[in-house]
């Protein structure tokens, strides 16, 4: 059973994980603090970027998958289009030399 974590708490945890690994992270757009959808943009120094969006697998577990890759300006336009239809949307930007997204590390340790 998965527990629904409020978006602002999840975002803070992602930011801490990425910063602890040496990445630069910031919230480019804040949406609803409790239930807004969070997109994660990962950019590299060469001007390329990847966009990750939430999804559910067949078991109902939540995760993220890459929905777009390419020039950063193209990814930014994809985000702008989606934001027009979702005022609760969050956008978290990660700049990492290695292009890491930090989405697969556990949120909490036992």
Protein backbone atom coordinates (compact mmCIF):
# COMPACT_ATOMS: atom_id res chain seq x y z
CA UNK A 1 0.00 0.00 0.00
CA UNK A 2 1.41 3.37 -0.94
CA UNK A 3 0.96 6.42 1.23
CA UNK A 4 0.03 9.70 -0.44
CA UNK A 5 2.61 12.30 0.55
CA UNK A 6 1.76 15.97 0.19
CA UNK A 7 3.49 17.55 -2.78
CA UNK A 8 5.38 20.21 -0.82
CA UNK A 9 6.87 17.55 1.48
CA UNK A 10 7.82 15.30 -1.45
CA UNK A 11 9.41 18.28 -3.26
CA UNK A 12 11.46 19.25 -0.19
CA UNK A 13 12.75 15.67 0.13
CA UNK A 14 13.72 15.53 -3.57
CA UNK A 15 15.53 18.86 -3.29
CA UNK A 16 17.52 17.68 -0.26
CA UNK A 17 18.49 14.40 -1.95
CA UNK A 18 19.71 16.18 -5.07
CA UNK A 19 21.57 18.92 -3.19
CA UNK A 20 23.26 16.35 -0.94
CA UNK A 21 24.64 14.76 -4.12
CA UNK A 22 26.00 18.04 -5.45
CA UNK A 23 23.24 19.03 -7.88
CA UNK A 24 21.71 22.49 -8.13
CA UNK A 25 17.93 22.36 -7.59
CA UNK A 26 15.12 24.86 -7.41
CA UNK A 27 11.36 25.07 -7.66
CA UNK A 28 10.56 26.88 -10.90
CA UNK A 29 6.80 26.77 -10.31
CA UNK A 30 4.80 26.02 -7.18
CA UNK A 31 1.36 24.51 -7.45
CA UNK A 32 -1.07 23.18 -4.89
CA UNK A 33 0.99 22.33 -1.78
CA UNK A 34 -1.06 19.26 -0.94
CA UNK A 35 -2.04 17.59 -4.20
CA UNK A 36 -0.41 19.33 -7.15
CA UNK A 37 1.34 17.22 -9.77
CA UNK A 38 5.13 17.71 -9.85
CA UNK A 39 7.13 17.60 -13.06
CA UNK A 40 10.89 17.21 -12.76
CA UNK A 41 13.15 18.76 -15.38
CA UNK A 42 16.77 17.61 -15.42
CA UNK A 43 19.22 19.69 -17.39
CA UNK A 44 22.85 19.15 -18.19
CA UNK A 45 25.56 21.74 -18.96
CA UNK A 46 25.34 20.98 -22.70
CA UNK A 47 21.86 22.57 -23.00
CA UNK A 48 19.98 19.27 -23.07
CA UNK A 49 17.18 18.34 -20.71
CA UNK A 50 14.83 15.51 -19.75
CA UNK A 51 11.32 15.83 -18.35
CA UNK A 52 9.90 13.33 -15.85
CA UNK A 53 6.22 13.03 -14.99
CA UNK A 54 4.39 10.87 -12.46
CA UNK A 55 2.66 7.66 -13.44
CA UNK A 56 1.14 4.62 -11.79
CA UNK A 57 2.23 1.10 -12.64
CA UNK A 58 -0.09 -1.91 -12.98
CA UNK A 59 0.03 -2.49 -9.22
CA UNK A 60 -1.08 1.08 -8.51
CA UNK A 61 2.35 2.12 -7.24
CA UNK A 62 3.44 5.63 -8.10
CA UNK A 63 6.63 6.38 -9.93
CA UNK A 64 8.12 8.71 -12.52
CA UNK A 65 9.00 8.15 -16.16
CA UNK A 66 10.80 10.23 -18.74
CA UNK A 67 8.21 11.81 -21.03
CA UNK A 68 10.48 14.07 -23.11
CA UNK A 69 14.16 14.59 -23.91
CA UNK A 70 15.95 17.13 -26.03
CA UNK A 71 17.01 20.76 -26.17
CA UNK A 72 16.17 22.62 -22.97
CA UNK A 73 14.05 25.19 -24.83
CA UNK A 74 11.84 22.39 -26.23
CA UNK A 75 11.37 20.91 -22.76
CA UNK A 76 10.52 24.37 -21.39
CA UNK A 77 7.82 24.78 -24.03
CA UNK A 78 6.37 21.38 -23.12
CA UNK A 79 6.17 22.50 -19.49
CA UNK A 80 4.56 25.84 -20.44
CA UNK A 81 1.87 24.07 -22.48
CA UNK A 82 1.03 21.75 -19.62
CA UNK A 83 1.00 24.60 -17.07
CA UNK A 84 -1.66 26.43 -19.09
CA UNK A 85 -4.09 23.60 -18.34
CA UNK A 86 -3.00 22.78 -14.79
CA UNK A 87 -2.72 25.71 -12.37
CA UNK A 88 -1.74 23.31 -9.55
CA UNK A 89 1.35 22.08 -11.44
CA UNK A 90 4.77 22.12 -9.79
CA UNK A 91 8.00 22.25 -11.76
CA UNK A 92 11.23 21.25 -10.06
CA UNK A 93 14.43 21.87 -11.99
CA UNK A 94 17.59 19.92 -11.35
CA UNK A 95 20.91 20.83 -12.93
CA UNK A 96 23.34 17.96 -12.71
CA UNK A 97 26.49 17.28 -14.73
CA UNK A 98 25.63 13.59 -14.88
CA UNK A 99 21.94 14.13 -15.69
CA UNK A 100 20.72 12.37 -12.54
CA UNK A 101 17.07 12.80 -11.58
CA UNK A 102 17.17 11.43 -7.99
CA UNK A 103 13.66 10.00 -8.35
CA UNK A 104 14.52 6.39 -7.64
CA UNK A 105 16.19 6.86 -4.27
CA UNK A 106 13.92 6.01 -1.32
CA UNK A 107 12.18 8.98 0.24
CA UNK A 108 12.51 7.64 3.77
CA UNK A 109 15.04 5.22 5.23
CA UNK A 110 13.93 2.48 7.62
